[in-house]
Amino acid sequence: MIRTGPGPPTPEPQHLDRPGSHGAAELLPRVLDALPVGIGLFEVLGDDFRFRYGNHALARVLMLEQMPLDGQSVGDVFRRDEQAAIVELFRLVRVSREPQTYFAAAGGRVPARDQIWNIDAYPVFAGGRVSYIMVLAEQTDEKLQARQREQLEANRLRRKADHLASLEKAKSEFLRLASHELRAPAAMLGGYLSMIEDESLGPIPERLRPVLPLLKAKAAQINMLANEMVEAARLEDGRLQLKRKRVDLRELLRRSLKAAEPNGTPKHRLRFDDRVGHELWVLGDPMRLEIVTGNLVDNAIKYSPAGGDVTAQLSTVGGLAMLSVRDQGIGIAPEDMRRLFVRFSRLAPYGDVPGTGLGLYLARELARLHGGDIAAVSKPGKGSEFTLSLPLESSQK
């Protein structure tokens, strides 16, 4: 295996033949022979690499019967099953001008199976080019154990990644199947409720009239959940495409508040704080934007079970339309804020609140596809505020 990586800078051999350095030059081989690490120097001659020097440890590490002769090719120095890899290592050093590393489990002439060859190759520069390659060769079980640990960890992470990928695939498949199974009965239920409401099936008994809006709201809620599943699956598959047109965000918000009324209790007060006072046009997909606004209003109601004001405020800041939905509910703990927009994530203490864990994830993703975003602020016991920002349609900027 060859690994690239930064290494200590290698000085250019500017003083190999410096006058007056003969004493040091004579001492240097004895110093290198005293080192436990194999050291070799190979001259770069085009695509060929010729052995010029090696200490005794190099022959021992490489399990050579004798020291290579001056001028021998690199292929004659290393054993046959390693020759191609070592030549490629040297070529990488020459081309990249950076240190490179080769390692392989010991075998062939090396008797210890629990050991490893570790060869570091460094470029030596002269005249601005790589003229020599210096080799440091070690044979050690410590490096083998480290490599084995790295390999085990890599295998573990790969298995975990494969497992997560299979889970993601299963989730996406579940979303597609569940949404398909939900949409048809939800549409049929909504259709029959509409026929009952307009008395196409006969007069409505007085005692059932107060129940009818609640049934319609629940049917709409089922339909919304099915739509969320469909949209989430499309997002995951990269198949979601916006059908943009001019949308009056003010009117769209009014519809969302109207649709949400049956989901509240007598203790809830839905308020519309309109700080614009006229149409507010954005360029977007009406159905997807309705999912976003409906989700924000519905969430505010669900997470304020004791009632209180749910206020939707509409304003503009610069070139952005700002829609804030504020409630007086249970709020969100600081440690839960980072999980708000995570797919399938539910806040642990409030698992009894109905939902799929897709709503906020989908709402923010759809907002971002429109060039906007959703931000949240909250304090436990003090309620929450979610703010949707969308670019205004160009004529209103």
Protein backbone atom coordinates (compact mmCIF):
# COMPACT_ATOMS: atom_id res chain seq x y z
CA MET A 1 0.00 0.00 0.00
CA ILE A 2 1.29 3.44 -0.88
CA ARG A 3 0.38 6.49 1.16
CA THR A 4 1.10 10.07 0.26
CA GLY A 5 1.63 12.58 2.96
CA PRO A 6 3.71 15.45 4.17
CA GLY A 7 7.05 14.63 5.66
CA PRO A 8 10.02 16.53 7.00
CA PRO A 9 11.68 18.76 4.41
CA THR A 10 14.71 17.19 2.75
CA PRO A 11 17.65 19.54 2.29
CA GLU A 12 19.34 19.72 -1.07
CA PRO A 13 22.70 17.88 -1.11
CA GLN A 14 24.67 21.07 -1.69
CA HIS A 15 27.72 20.05 0.37
CA LEU A 16 28.41 16.46 -0.67
CA ASP A 17 31.76 17.44 -2.22
CA ARG A 18 32.57 20.49 -0.12
CA PRO A 19 36.32 20.99 0.33
CA GLY A 20 37.49 20.23 3.83
CA SER A 21 34.62 17.87 4.59
CA HIS A 22 36.55 14.62 4.04
CA GLY A 23 36.71 13.80 7.75
CA ALA A 24 32.94 14.13 8.12
CA ALA A 25 32.40 12.17 4.90
CA GLU A 26 34.51 9.31 6.26
CA LEU A 27 32.66 9.34 9.59
CA LEU A 28 29.17 9.51 8.08
CA PRO A 29 28.97 5.85 6.89
CA ARG A 30 29.92 4.63 10.38
CA VAL A 31 27.26 6.87 11.91
CA LEU A 32 24.61 5.58 9.48
CA ASP A 33 25.65 1.96 10.13
CA ALA A 34 25.02 2.51 13.84
CA LEU A 35 21.38 3.35 13.19
CA PRO A 36 18.73 0.59 13.60
CA VAL A 37 16.77 1.88 10.62
CA GLY A 38 17.67 0.79 7.10
CA ILE A 39 18.89 3.72 4.98
CA GLY A 40 19.42 3.65 1.23
CA LEU A 41 20.19 6.26 -1.40
CA PHE A 42 19.06 5.80 -5.00
CA GLU A 43 20.03 8.06 -7.89
CA VAL A 44 17.25 9.20 -10.24
CA LEU A 45 18.18 8.58 -13.87
CA GLY A 46 15.05 9.33 -15.90
CA ASP A 47 12.65 6.46 -15.27
CA ASP A 48 15.41 4.37 -13.73
CA PHE A 49 16.63 4.40 -10.13
CA ARG A 50 20.11 3.18 -9.26
CA PHE A 51 21.41 2.14 -5.86
CA ARG A 52 24.29 4.32 -4.59
CA TYR A 53 24.53 3.74 -0.86
CA GLY A 54 23.03 1.71 1.97
CA ASN A 55 23.82 0.97 5.58
CA HIS A 56 23.97 -2.54 7.06
CA ALA A 57 20.51 -2.23 8.56
CA LEU A 58 19.05 -1.87 5.05
CA ALA A 59 20.33 -5.32 4.03
CA ARG A 60 19.04 -6.79 7.31
CA VAL A 61 15.55 -5.26 7.01
CA LEU A 62 15.23 -6.31 3.36
CA MET A 63 16.60 -9.77 4.19
CA LEU A 64 19.35 -9.45 1.57
CA GLU A 65 22.26 -11.90 1.58
CA GLN A 66 24.67 -9.08 0.83
CA MET A 67 24.70 -5.31 0.39
CA PRO A 68 23.54 -4.24 -3.12
CA LEU A 69 26.29 -3.16 -5.46
CA ASP A 70 26.74 0.44 -6.50
CA GLY A 71 24.69 1.07 -9.67
CA GLN A 72 22.24 -1.81 -9.20
CA SER A 73 18.69 -1.09 -10.38
CA VAL A 74 15.98 -0.73 -7.77
CA GLY A 75 14.38 -3.87 -9.18
CA ASP A 76 17.47 -5.86 -8.25
CA VAL A 77 17.50 -4.60 -4.68
CA PHE A 78 13.94 -5.39 -3.64
CA ARG A 79 12.35 -8.81 -3.79
CA ARG A 80 10.39 -9.70 -6.90
CA ASP A 81 6.88 -9.43 -5.44
CA GLU A 82 7.63 -5.91 -4.19
CA GLN A 83 9.52 -4.53 -7.20
CA ALA A 84 6.59 -3.00 -9.06
CA ALA A 85 5.23 -1.30 -5.95
CA ILE A 86 8.62 0.15 -4.99
CA VAL A 87 9.27 1.45 -8.52
CA GLU A 88 5.83 3.09 -8.46
CA LEU A 89 6.66 4.56 -5.05
CA PHE A 90 9.87 6.11 -6.43
CA ARG A 91 8.04 7.49 -9.45
CA LEU A 92 5.46 9.12 -7.19
CA VAL A 93 8.24 10.76 -5.18
CA ARG A 94 9.88 12.04 -8.36
CA VAL A 95 6.64 13.43 -9.82
CA SER A 96 5.02 14.79 -6.66
CA ARG A 97 8.31 16.01 -5.14
CA GLU A 98 6.81 14.94 -1.80
CA PRO A 99 7.62 12.09 0.60
CA GLN A 100 5.67 8.86 0.05
CA THR A 101 5.17 5.74 2.16
CA TYR A 102 4.82 2.07 1.26
CA PHE A 103 3.88 -0.68 3.65
CA ALA A 104 3.03 -4.34 3.27
CA ALA A 105 2.62 -7.26 5.63
CA ALA A 106 5.84 -9.17 5.82
CA GLY A 107 6.07 -12.29 3.72
CA GLY A 108 8.33 -13.97 1.18
CA ARG A 109 11.79 -13.85 2.65
CA VAL A 110 10.66 -12.26 5.89
CA PRO A 111 10.05 -15.05 8.44
CA ALA A 112 7.90 -13.17 10.98
CA ARG A 113 4.28 -13.06 9.92
CA ASP A 114 3.39 -10.53 12.59
CA GLN A 115 5.75 -7.93 11.17
CA ILE A 116 5.53 -5.33 8.44
CA TRP A 117 7.69 -3.54 5.96
CA ASN A 118 7.42 0.21 6.26
CA ILE A 119 9.37 2.14 3.64
CA ASP A 120 9.46 5.95 3.63
CA ALA A 121 10.89 7.52 0.49
CA TYR A 122 12.07 11.16 0.53
CA PRO A 123 13.09 13.34 -2.41
CA VAL A 124 16.62 14.78 -2.35
CA PHE A 125 16.96 17.89 -4.50
CA ALA A 126 19.92 19.14 -6.49
CA GLY A 127 19.74 21.89 -9.05
CA GLY A 128 16.00 22.28 -8.46
CA ARG A 129 15.11 18.73 -9.42
CA VAL A 130 14.77 15.39 -7.64
CA SER A 131 18.21 13.86 -8.13
CA TYR A 132 18.17 11.20 -5.43
CA ILE A 133 15.61 9.29 -3.40
CA MET A 134 16.47 8.47 0.17
CA VAL A 135 14.81 5.39 1.66
CA LEU A 136 14.15 4.64 5.32
CA ALA A 137 13.16 0.99 5.77
CA GLU A 138 11.80 -0.59 8.95
CA GLN A 139 10.48 -3.99 9.85
CA THR A 140 8.32 -3.81 12.96
CA ASP A 141 5.29 -5.44 14.48
CA GLU A 142 4.19 -2.14 16.07
CA LYS A 143 3.46 -0.58 12.70
CA LEU A 144 1.68 -3.70 11.59
CA GLN A 145 -0.56 -3.55 14.65
CA ALA A 146 -1.26 0.12 13.97
CA ARG A 147 -2.13 -0.66 10.34
CA GLN A 148 -4.35 -3.51 11.46
CA ARG A 149 -6.14 -1.21 13.91
CA GLU A 150 -6.61 1.35 11.15
CA GLN A 151 -7.98 -1.33 8.86
CA LEU A 152 -10.34 -2.66 11.52
CA GLU A 153 -11.62 0.85 12.21
CA ALA A 154 -12.03 1.52 8.49
CA ASN A 155 -13.97 -1.73 8.10
CA ARG A 156 -16.15 -0.83 11.09
CA LEU A 157 -16.91 2.61 9.70
CA ARG A 158 -17.63 1.13 6.28
CA ARG A 159 -20.07 -1.39 7.78
CA LYS A 160 -21.74 1.39 9.74
CA ALA A 161 -22.01 3.56 6.62
CA ASP A 162 -23.52 0.63 4.69
CA HIS A 163 -25.98 0.02 7.53
CA LEU A 164 -27.00 3.68 7.62
CA ALA A 165 -27.38 3.73 3.85
CA SER A 166 -29.67 0.69 4.00
CA LEU A 167 -31.71 2.35 6.75
CA GLU A 168 -32.04 5.51 4.68
CA LYS A 169 -33.18 3.45 1.71
CA ALA A 170 -35.71 1.62 3.89
CA LYS A 171 -37.02 4.92 5.28
CA SER A 172 -37.45 6.38 1.80
CA GLU A 173 -39.22 3.22 0.64
CA PHE A 174 -41.49 3.37 3.69
CA LEU A 175 -42.35 6.99 2.94
CA ARG A 176 -43.35 6.11 -0.62
CA LEU A 177 -45.47 3.13 0.41
CA ALA A 178 -47.12 4.80 3.40
CA SER A 179 -47.98 7.96 1.49
CA HIS A 180 -49.48 5.90 -1.34
CA GLU A 181 -51.64 3.95 1.10
CA LEU A 182 -52.75 7.10 2.94
CA ARG A 183 -53.58 9.43 0.06
CA ALA A 184 -56.35 7.41 -1.54
CA PRO A 185 -58.46 6.87 1.63
CA ALA A 186 -57.79 10.46 2.75
CA ALA A 187 -59.08 11.79 -0.57
CA MET A 188 -62.14 9.54 -0.39
CA LEU A 189 -62.85 10.58 3.20
CA GLY A 190 -62.52 14.25 2.28
CA GLY A 191 -64.83 13.80 -0.69
CA TYR A 192 -67.59 12.15 1.34
CA LEU A 193 -67.30 14.78 4.07
CA SER A 194 -67.72 17.52 1.47
CA MET A 195 -70.82 15.74 0.13
CA ILE A 196 -72.21 15.51 3.66
CA GLU A 197 -71.45 19.19 4.25
CA ASP A 198 -73.33 20.37 1.15
CA GLU A 199 -76.12 17.88 2.02
CA SER A 200 -75.77 15.97 -1.25
CA LEU A 201 -76.39 12.81 0.78
CA GLY A 202 -79.36 14.28 2.61
CA PRO A 203 -80.01 16.70 5.49
CA ILE A 204 -77.42 16.84 8.24
CA PRO A 205 -78.76 16.00 11.71
CA GLU A 206 -78.33 19.01 13.97
CA ARG A 207 -76.34 17.06 16.54
CA LEU A 208 -73.72 16.21 13.87
CA ARG A 209 -73.20 19.73 12.54
CA PRO A 210 -70.65 20.75 15.24
CA VAL A 211 -68.68 17.54 14.58
CA LEU A 212 -68.39 17.99 10.82
CA PRO A 213 -65.68 20.75 10.83
CA LEU A 214 -63.54 18.63 13.18
CA LEU A 215 -63.87 15.60 10.90
CA LYS A 216 -62.92 17.68 7.88
CA ALA A 217 -59.90 19.06 9.74
CA LYS A 218 -58.74 15.57 10.66
CA ALA A 219 -59.20 14.40 7.07
CA ALA A 220 -57.15 17.39 5.90
CA GLN A 221 -54.51 16.53 8.51
CA ILE A 222 -54.24 12.97 7.18
CA ASN A 223 -53.93 14.35 3.68
CA MET A 224 -51.21 16.76 4.82
CA LEU A 225 -49.27 13.92 6.47
CA ALA A 226 -49.48 11.90 3.25
CA ASN A 227 -48.27 14.91 1.27
CA GLU A 228 -45.37 15.39 3.68
CA MET A 229 -44.32 11.77 3.13
CA VAL A 230 -44.51 12.14 -0.63
CA GLU A 231 -42.52 15.37 -0.61
CA ALA A 232 -39.89 13.96 1.77
CA ALA A 233 -39.42 10.91 -0.49
CA ARG A 234 -39.09 13.19 -3.51
CA LEU A 235 -36.50 15.28 -1.70
CA GLU A 236 -34.47 12.19 -0.85
CA ASP A 237 -34.63 10.94 -4.43
CA GLY A 238 -33.84 14.36 -5.91
CA ARG A 239 -37.14 14.31 -7.83
CA LEU A 240 -38.79 17.34 -6.24
CA GLN A 241 -39.32 20.11 -8.77
CA LEU A 242 -40.97 23.42 -7.93
CA LYS A 243 -43.79 24.76 -10.11
CA ARG A 244 -43.23 28.46 -9.58
CA LYS A 245 -45.79 31.20 -10.05
CA ARG A 246 -46.71 34.48 -8.36
CA VAL A 247 -48.15 33.71 -4.92
CA ASP A 248 -49.80 36.18 -2.54
CA LEU A 249 -48.22 35.12 0.75
CA ARG A 250 -50.76 37.18 2.69
CA GLU A 251 -53.72 35.27 1.23
CA LEU A 252 -51.92 31.94 1.53
CA LEU A 253 -51.34 32.58 5.25
CA ARG A 254 -55.03 33.46 5.73
CA ARG A 255 -55.98 30.10 4.21
CA SER A 256 -53.54 28.26 6.47
CA LEU A 257 -54.94 29.97 9.57
CA LYS A 258 -58.50 29.18 8.46
CA ALA A 259 -57.62 25.52 7.84
CA ALA A 260 -55.94 25.28 11.25
CA GLU A 261 -58.87 26.63 13.26
CA PRO A 262 -60.57 23.24 13.82
CA ASN A 263 -57.27 21.80 15.14
CA GLY A 264 -57.24 24.24 18.04
CA THR A 265 -59.20 24.11 21.26
CA PRO A 266 -61.49 26.78 22.73
CA LYS A 267 -58.40 27.90 24.71
CA HIS A 268 -56.46 28.71 21.54
CA ARG A 269 -56.68 32.13 19.90
CA LEU A 270 -55.38 32.35 16.33
CA ARG A 271 -54.27 35.89 15.56
CA PHE A 272 -53.08 37.45 12.30
CA ASP A 273 -50.74 40.40 12.87
CA ASP A 274 -50.70 41.91 9.37
CA ARG A 275 -47.99 44.57 9.18
CA VAL A 276 -48.13 44.77 5.40
CA GLY A 277 -51.78 45.63 4.74
CA HIS A 278 -51.80 44.59 1.09
CA GLU A 279 -50.89 41.70 -1.22
CA LEU A 280 -47.43 40.31 -0.64
CA TRP A 281 -46.15 38.58 -3.74
CA VAL A 282 -43.45 35.94 -3.81
CA LEU A 283 -42.40 33.64 -6.62
CA GLY A 284 -42.97 30.07 -5.53
CA ASP A 285 -44.83 26.80 -5.70
CA PRO A 286 -48.26 27.40 -4.09
CA MET A 287 -48.76 23.82 -2.90
CA ARG A 288 -45.27 23.58 -1.36
CA LEU A 289 -45.54 27.00 0.31
CA GLU A 290 -48.89 25.97 1.76
CA ILE A 291 -47.19 22.91 3.27
CA VAL A 292 -44.63 25.25 4.88
CA THR A 293 -47.09 27.76 6.34
CA GLY A 294 -49.58 25.07 7.35
CA ASN A 295 -46.87 23.17 9.16
CA LEU A 296 -45.70 26.21 11.13
CA VAL A 297 -49.24 27.09 12.26
CA ASP A 298 -50.15 23.47 13.01
CA ASN A 299 -46.96 23.00 15.06
CA ALA A 300 -47.69 26.10 17.11
CA ILE A 301 -51.10 24.69 18.02
CA LYS A 302 -49.82 21.17 18.78
CA TYR A 303 -47.02 22.38 21.04
CA SER A 304 -49.24 24.70 23.06
CA PRO A 305 -51.64 22.09 24.50
CA ALA A 306 -52.77 24.45 27.29
CA GLY A 307 -53.95 26.98 24.70
CA GLY A 308 -52.94 30.63 24.46
CA ASP A 309 -52.29 32.94 21.54
CA VAL A 310 -50.90 31.61 18.29
CA THR A 311 -49.82 34.71 16.39
CA ALA A 312 -48.86 34.77 12.72
CA GLN A 313 -47.08 38.02 11.90
CA LEU A 314 -46.42 39.14 8.33
CA SER A 315 -43.87 41.85 7.51
CA THR A 316 -41.06 42.74 5.13
CA VAL A 317 -37.38 43.41 5.72
CA GLY A 318 -35.40 44.67 2.76
CA GLY A 319 -36.12 42.33 -0.12
CA LEU A 320 -37.56 39.58 2.07
CA ALA A 321 -41.05 38.63 3.14
CA MET A 322 -41.01 37.61 6.82
CA LEU A 323 -43.65 35.30 8.28
CA SER A 324 -43.30 34.60 12.02
CA VAL A 325 -45.50 32.15 13.91
CA ARG A 326 -45.33 32.56 17.68
CA ASP A 327 -46.99 30.46 20.38
CA GLN A 328 -47.16 30.48 24.19
CA GLY A 329 -46.62 26.77 24.55
CA ILE A 330 -44.20 24.35 26.15
CA GLY A 331 -41.14 25.68 24.32
CA ILE A 332 -38.00 23.79 23.37
CA ALA A 333 -34.99 22.91 25.53
CA PRO A 334 -31.63 24.31 24.30
CA GLU A 335 -30.21 20.80 23.80
CA ASP A 336 -33.14 19.95 21.51
CA MET A 337 -32.78 22.98 19.23
CA ARG A 338 -30.16 21.31 17.03
CA ARG A 339 -32.57 18.42 16.29
CA LEU A 340 -35.54 20.58 15.29
CA PHE A 341 -35.05 20.25 11.55
CA VAL A 342 -33.68 16.70 11.48
CA ARG A 343 -35.75 14.20 9.53
CA PHE A 344 -37.82 11.83 11.71
CA SER A 345 -36.57 13.59 14.84
CA ARG A 346 -39.08 13.95 17.67
CA LEU A 347 -38.48 15.85 20.90
CA ALA A 348 -38.23 13.14 23.56
CA PRO A 349 -40.43 14.63 26.33
CA TYR A 350 -43.27 15.30 23.90
CA GLY A 351 -43.60 11.98 22.11
CA ASP A 352 -47.36 12.03 22.68
CA VAL A 353 -47.74 14.98 20.29
CA PRO A 354 -48.96 13.54 16.97
CA GLY A 355 -46.77 13.78 13.88
CA THR A 356 -44.23 12.00 11.70
CA GLY A 357 -41.14 14.01 12.59
CA LEU A 358 -41.05 15.21 8.98
CA GLY A 359 -42.88 18.52 9.21
CA LEU A 360 -40.16 20.97 10.22
CA TYR A 361 -37.50 19.13 8.22
CA LEU A 362 -39.65 19.35 5.11
CA ALA A 363 -40.71 22.96 5.79
CA ARG A 364 -37.13 24.21 6.00
CA GLU A 365 -35.98 22.22 2.97
CA LEU A 366 -38.87 23.60 0.90
CA ALA A 367 -38.12 27.13 2.15
CA ARG A 368 -34.49 26.75 1.10
CA LEU A 369 -35.51 25.47 -2.33
CA HIS A 370 -37.39 28.77 -2.68
CA GLY A 371 -34.26 30.73 -1.78
CA GLY A 372 -35.44 31.36 1.78
CA ASP A 373 -35.00 29.76 5.18
CA ILE A 374 -36.64 29.06 8.55
CA ALA A 375 -35.14 30.07 11.89
CA ALA A 376 -36.38 29.25 15.38
CA VAL A 377 -36.05 30.77 18.86
CA SER A 378 -37.53 29.25 21.99
CA LYS A 379 -37.39 29.01 25.77
CA PRO A 380 -38.78 26.09 27.77
CA GLY A 381 -42.17 27.03 29.19
CA LYS A 382 -42.19 30.36 27.32
CA GLY A 383 -43.22 29.25 23.84
CA SER A 384 -41.49 29.28 20.46
CA GLU A 385 -41.24 31.46 17.41
CA PHE A 386 -40.52 30.17 13.91
CA THR A 387 -39.70 32.71 11.20
CA LEU A 388 -39.96 31.97 7.50
CA SER A 389 -38.08 34.30 5.15
CA LEU A 390 -38.70 34.32 1.40
CA PRO A 391 -37.41 36.58 -1.38
CA LEU A 392 -40.04 39.06 -2.52
CA GLU A 393 -41.21 38.94 -6.11
CA SER A 394 -39.04 41.39 -8.06
CA SER A 395 -41.80 43.96 -8.69
CA GLN A 396 -42.23 44.47 -4.92
CA LYS A 397 -38.57 44.91 -3.96
